[in-house]
């Protein structure tokens, strides 16, 4: 994996310990909180995406993210990503 690829990717470890390599499509910051739009199949035009929400504080050395599940927050963040990327995000 090249340095550029690593900069645009992250390894997400689920609650069950399974690791998933996500490709970052876009990022945004809302009300002091960072969000990432990611996919695990970047070469697939019909790929599924998910939104990750940063839960770590600014003072922490490593970022921690969760999959965004709150419907209201998900709608708000998805709309912003749709405007920024011109993608259609199904919810």
N, C-alpha and C. Protein backbone atom coordinates (compact mmCIF):
# COMPACT_ATOMS: atom_id res chain seq x y z
N UNK A 1 0.86 -1.18 0.00
CA UNK A 1 0.00 0.00 0.00
C UNK A 1 0.90 1.23 0.00
N UNK A 2 0.64 2.16 -0.90
CA UNK A 2 1.47 3.35 -0.99
C UNK A 2 1.14 4.33 0.14
N UNK A 3 2.02 5.30 0.34
CA UNK A 3 1.78 6.31 1.38
C UNK A 3 0.51 7.08 1.10
N UNK A 4 0.23 7.40 -0.17
CA UNK A 4 -1.00 8.12 -0.55
C UNK A 4 -2.22 7.28 -0.20
N UNK A 5 -2.18 5.96 -0.51
CA UNK A 5 -3.29 5.08 -0.19
C UNK A 5 -3.53 5.01 1.32
N UNK A 6 -2.46 4.96 2.10
CA UNK A 6 -2.61 4.91 3.55
C UNK A 6 -3.24 6.19 4.08
N UNK A 7 -2.93 7.32 3.48
CA UNK A 7 -3.48 8.59 3.93
C UNK A 7 -4.97 8.67 3.66
N UNK A 8 -5.45 7.95 2.64
CA UNK A 8 -6.86 7.98 2.27
C UNK A 8 -7.63 6.77 2.78
N UNK A 9 -7.02 6.01 3.68
CA UNK A 9 -7.64 4.80 4.20
C UNK A 9 -7.52 4.76 5.72
N UNK A 10 -8.34 3.92 6.31
CA UNK A 10 -8.20 3.68 7.74
C UNK A 10 -8.68 2.28 8.05
N UNK A 11 -8.14 1.73 9.10
CA UNK A 11 -8.57 0.41 9.55
C UNK A 11 -9.53 0.61 10.70
N UNK A 12 -10.75 0.10 10.53
CA UNK A 12 -11.80 0.21 11.53
C UNK A 12 -11.92 -1.14 12.22
N UNK A 13 -11.84 -1.14 13.53
CA UNK A 13 -11.97 -2.37 14.30
C UNK A 13 -13.33 -2.37 14.98
N UNK A 14 -14.17 -3.33 14.62
CA UNK A 14 -15.51 -3.43 15.18
C UNK A 14 -15.49 -3.97 16.60
N UNK A 15 -16.66 -3.96 17.23
CA UNK A 15 -16.79 -4.46 18.59
C UNK A 15 -16.38 -5.93 18.71
N UNK A 16 -16.53 -6.68 17.59
CA UNK A 16 -16.18 -8.10 17.60
C UNK A 16 -14.71 -8.34 17.30
N UNK A 17 -13.93 -7.25 17.11
CA UNK A 17 -12.50 -7.37 16.83
C UNK A 17 -12.17 -7.49 15.36
N UNK A 18 -13.18 -7.60 14.50
CA UNK A 18 -12.94 -7.70 13.06
C UNK A 18 -12.43 -6.37 12.52
N UNK A 19 -11.39 -6.43 11.70
CA UNK A 19 -10.83 -5.23 11.11
C UNK A 19 -11.33 -5.07 9.67
N UNK A 20 -11.73 -3.85 9.32
CA UNK A 20 -12.21 -3.54 7.98
C UNK A 20 -11.38 -2.37 7.46
N UNK A 21 -10.86 -2.52 6.25
CA UNK A 21 -10.12 -1.44 5.62
C UNK A 21 -11.12 -0.55 4.88
N UNK A 22 -11.27 0.68 5.32
CA UNK A 22 -12.15 1.64 4.68
C UNK A 22 -11.34 2.64 3.87
N UNK A 23 -11.88 3.04 2.74
CA UNK A 23 -11.33 4.13 1.95
C UNK A 23 -12.14 5.38 2.28
N UNK A 24 -11.46 6.47 2.58
CA UNK A 24 -12.13 7.72 2.93
C UNK A 24 -12.52 8.44 1.64
N UNK A 25 -13.81 8.71 1.49
CA UNK A 25 -14.32 9.43 0.32
C UNK A 25 -14.32 10.93 0.58
N UNK A 26 -14.73 11.31 1.79
CA UNK A 26 -14.81 12.73 2.14
C UNK A 26 -14.79 12.86 3.66
N UNK A 27 -14.51 14.08 4.12
CA UNK A 27 -14.57 14.36 5.55
C UNK A 27 -15.17 15.74 5.75
N UNK A 28 -15.74 15.94 6.93
CA UNK A 28 -16.30 17.24 7.27
C UNK A 28 -16.23 17.41 8.78
N UNK A 29 -16.39 18.65 9.22
CA UNK A 29 -16.40 18.97 10.65
C UNK A 29 -17.66 19.77 10.92
N UNK A 30 -18.47 19.30 11.86
CA UNK A 30 -19.73 19.96 12.21
C UNK A 30 -19.77 20.12 13.72
N UNK A 31 -19.96 21.36 14.17
CA UNK A 31 -20.04 21.64 15.61
C UNK A 31 -18.87 21.04 16.39
N UNK A 32 -17.67 21.16 15.83
CA UNK A 32 -16.48 20.68 16.50
C UNK A 32 -16.26 19.18 16.46
N UNK A 33 -17.09 18.46 15.69
CA UNK A 33 -16.98 17.00 15.61
C UNK A 33 -16.61 16.61 14.18
N UNK A 34 -15.66 15.67 14.03
CA UNK A 34 -15.24 15.21 12.71
C UNK A 34 -16.07 14.01 12.26
N UNK A 35 -16.38 13.99 10.96
CA UNK A 35 -17.12 12.89 10.34
C UNK A 35 -16.39 12.46 9.08
N UNK A 36 -16.43 11.15 8.79
CA UNK A 36 -15.84 10.61 7.58
C UNK A 36 -16.90 9.85 6.79
N UNK A 37 -16.89 10.04 5.48
CA UNK A 37 -17.71 9.24 4.58
C UNK A 37 -16.77 8.19 4.01
N UNK A 38 -17.06 6.91 4.25
CA UNK A 38 -16.13 5.84 3.89
C UNK A 38 -16.84 4.70 3.16
N UNK A 39 -16.04 3.88 2.47
CA UNK A 39 -16.54 2.66 1.84
C UNK A 39 -15.48 1.58 1.96
N UNK A 40 -15.91 0.33 1.92
CA UNK A 40 -14.95 -0.77 1.91
C UNK A 40 -14.77 -1.33 0.50
N UNK A 41 -15.47 -0.74 -0.50
CA UNK A 41 -15.35 -1.17 -1.90
C UNK A 41 -15.22 0.05 -2.81
N UNK A 42 -14.08 0.71 -2.81
CA UNK A 42 -13.94 1.97 -3.55
C UNK A 42 -14.03 1.85 -5.07
N UNK A 43 -13.80 0.65 -5.61
CA UNK A 43 -13.82 0.48 -7.06
C UNK A 43 -15.20 0.11 -7.60
N UNK A 44 -16.17 -0.02 -6.73
CA UNK A 44 -17.53 -0.42 -7.11
C UNK A 44 -18.41 0.83 -7.18
N UNK A 45 -18.95 1.14 -8.38
CA UNK A 45 -19.79 2.34 -8.54
C UNK A 45 -21.04 2.29 -7.67
N UNK A 46 -21.54 1.12 -7.38
CA UNK A 46 -22.74 0.97 -6.56
C UNK A 46 -22.40 0.58 -5.13
N UNK A 47 -21.23 0.98 -4.67
CA UNK A 47 -20.77 0.58 -3.33
C UNK A 47 -21.65 1.20 -2.25
N UNK A 48 -21.65 0.53 -1.12
CA UNK A 48 -22.32 1.06 0.05
C UNK A 48 -21.32 1.93 0.80
N UNK A 49 -21.83 2.98 1.40
CA UNK A 49 -20.98 3.86 2.20
C UNK A 49 -21.53 3.90 3.62
N UNK A 50 -20.69 4.34 4.53
CA UNK A 50 -21.16 4.61 5.87
C UNK A 50 -20.47 5.87 6.37
N UNK A 51 -21.06 6.45 7.38
CA UNK A 51 -20.52 7.67 7.97
C UNK A 51 -19.98 7.32 9.35
N UNK A 52 -18.73 7.71 9.57
CA UNK A 52 -18.10 7.50 10.87
C UNK A 52 -18.02 8.82 11.60
N UNK A 53 -18.26 8.76 12.90
CA UNK A 53 -18.21 9.95 13.77
C UNK A 53 -17.04 9.80 14.73
N UNK A 54 -16.21 10.83 14.81
CA UNK A 54 -15.08 10.79 15.73
C UNK A 54 -15.57 10.97 17.16
N UNK A 55 -15.08 10.11 18.03
CA UNK A 55 -15.47 10.20 19.44
C UNK A 55 -14.30 10.56 20.34
N UNK A 56 -13.09 10.59 19.79
CA UNK A 56 -11.92 10.93 20.58
C UNK A 56 -11.82 12.44 20.75
N UNK A 57 -11.14 12.84 21.78
CA UNK A 57 -10.93 14.25 22.05
C UNK A 57 -9.72 14.79 21.31
N UNK A 58 -9.62 16.10 21.22
CA UNK A 58 -8.51 16.74 20.53
C UNK A 58 -7.16 16.41 21.15
N UNK A 59 -7.15 16.11 22.44
CA UNK A 59 -5.89 15.86 23.14
C UNK A 59 -5.39 14.42 22.94
N UNK A 60 -6.22 13.55 22.37
CA UNK A 60 -5.82 12.15 22.18
C UNK A 60 -4.96 12.01 20.92
N UNK A 61 -3.94 11.16 21.01
CA UNK A 61 -2.99 10.98 19.91
C UNK A 61 -3.61 10.21 18.74
N UNK A 62 -4.51 9.29 19.02
CA UNK A 62 -5.11 8.47 17.98
C UNK A 62 -6.61 8.73 17.92
N UNK A 63 -7.14 8.87 16.71
CA UNK A 63 -8.57 9.12 16.54
C UNK A 63 -9.37 7.84 16.74
N UNK A 64 -10.54 8.00 17.35
CA UNK A 64 -11.47 6.90 17.54
C UNK A 64 -12.79 7.27 16.88
N UNK A 65 -13.34 6.34 16.10
CA UNK A 65 -14.58 6.58 15.38
C UNK A 65 -15.60 5.50 15.68
N UNK A 66 -16.88 5.87 15.57
CA UNK A 66 -17.98 4.91 15.63
C UNK A 66 -18.80 5.07 14.36
N UNK A 67 -19.53 4.03 13.99
CA UNK A 67 -20.45 4.13 12.86
C UNK A 67 -21.65 4.93 13.32
N UNK A 68 -21.97 5.98 12.58
CA UNK A 68 -23.06 6.87 12.94
C UNK A 68 -24.39 6.17 12.72
N UNK A 69 -25.21 6.07 13.76
CA UNK A 69 -26.49 5.38 13.68
C UNK A 69 -27.68 6.24 14.05
N UNK A 70 -27.47 7.36 14.74
CA UNK A 70 -28.57 8.25 15.11
C UNK A 70 -29.21 8.81 13.85
N UNK A 71 -30.50 8.53 13.63
CA UNK A 71 -31.19 8.89 12.39
C UNK A 71 -31.15 10.39 12.10
N UNK A 72 -31.40 11.22 13.10
CA UNK A 72 -31.43 12.67 12.90
C UNK A 72 -30.05 13.18 12.51
N UNK A 73 -29.05 12.78 13.26
CA UNK A 73 -27.68 13.20 12.99
C UNK A 73 -27.22 12.65 11.63
N UNK A 74 -27.60 11.41 11.33
CA UNK A 74 -27.23 10.79 10.06
C UNK A 74 -27.80 11.57 8.89
N UNK A 75 -29.05 11.98 8.97
CA UNK A 75 -29.67 12.76 7.89
C UNK A 75 -28.94 14.08 7.67
N UNK A 76 -28.60 14.77 8.74
CA UNK A 76 -27.90 16.06 8.64
C UNK A 76 -26.54 15.89 7.99
N UNK A 77 -25.76 14.95 8.48
CA UNK A 77 -24.41 14.75 7.97
C UNK A 77 -24.44 14.22 6.53
N UNK A 78 -25.36 13.32 6.24
CA UNK A 78 -25.47 12.77 4.88
C UNK A 78 -25.80 13.86 3.87
N UNK A 79 -26.67 14.78 4.23
CA UNK A 79 -27.01 15.89 3.33
C UNK A 79 -25.77 16.74 3.02
N UNK A 80 -24.96 16.98 4.02
CA UNK A 80 -23.74 17.76 3.81
C UNK A 80 -22.79 17.01 2.88
N UNK A 81 -22.62 15.71 3.10
CA UNK A 81 -21.75 14.92 2.22
C UNK A 81 -22.31 14.87 0.80
N UNK A 82 -23.62 14.79 0.66
CA UNK A 82 -24.22 14.78 -0.68
C UNK A 82 -23.92 16.07 -1.42
N UNK A 83 -24.01 17.19 -0.73
CA UNK A 83 -23.71 18.49 -1.34
C UNK A 83 -22.23 18.60 -1.71
N UNK A 84 -21.36 18.11 -0.83
CA UNK A 84 -19.92 18.23 -1.04
C UNK A 84 -19.40 17.28 -2.12
N UNK A 85 -20.01 16.11 -2.25
CA UNK A 85 -19.47 15.08 -3.15
C UNK A 85 -20.33 14.84 -4.39
N UNK A 86 -21.53 15.37 -4.40
CA UNK A 86 -22.50 15.12 -5.48
C UNK A 86 -22.88 13.65 -5.58
N UNK A 87 -22.72 12.91 -4.48
CA UNK A 87 -23.16 11.52 -4.41
C UNK A 87 -24.56 11.46 -3.85
N UNK A 88 -25.28 10.41 -4.17
CA UNK A 88 -26.59 10.17 -3.58
C UNK A 88 -26.42 9.11 -2.50
N UNK A 89 -26.71 9.47 -1.27
CA UNK A 89 -26.52 8.57 -0.14
C UNK A 89 -27.88 8.06 0.33
N UNK A 90 -28.09 6.76 0.20
CA UNK A 90 -29.34 6.15 0.67
C UNK A 90 -29.28 6.00 2.17
N UNK A 91 -30.41 6.29 2.83
CA UNK A 91 -30.48 6.17 4.28
C UNK A 91 -31.59 5.24 4.66
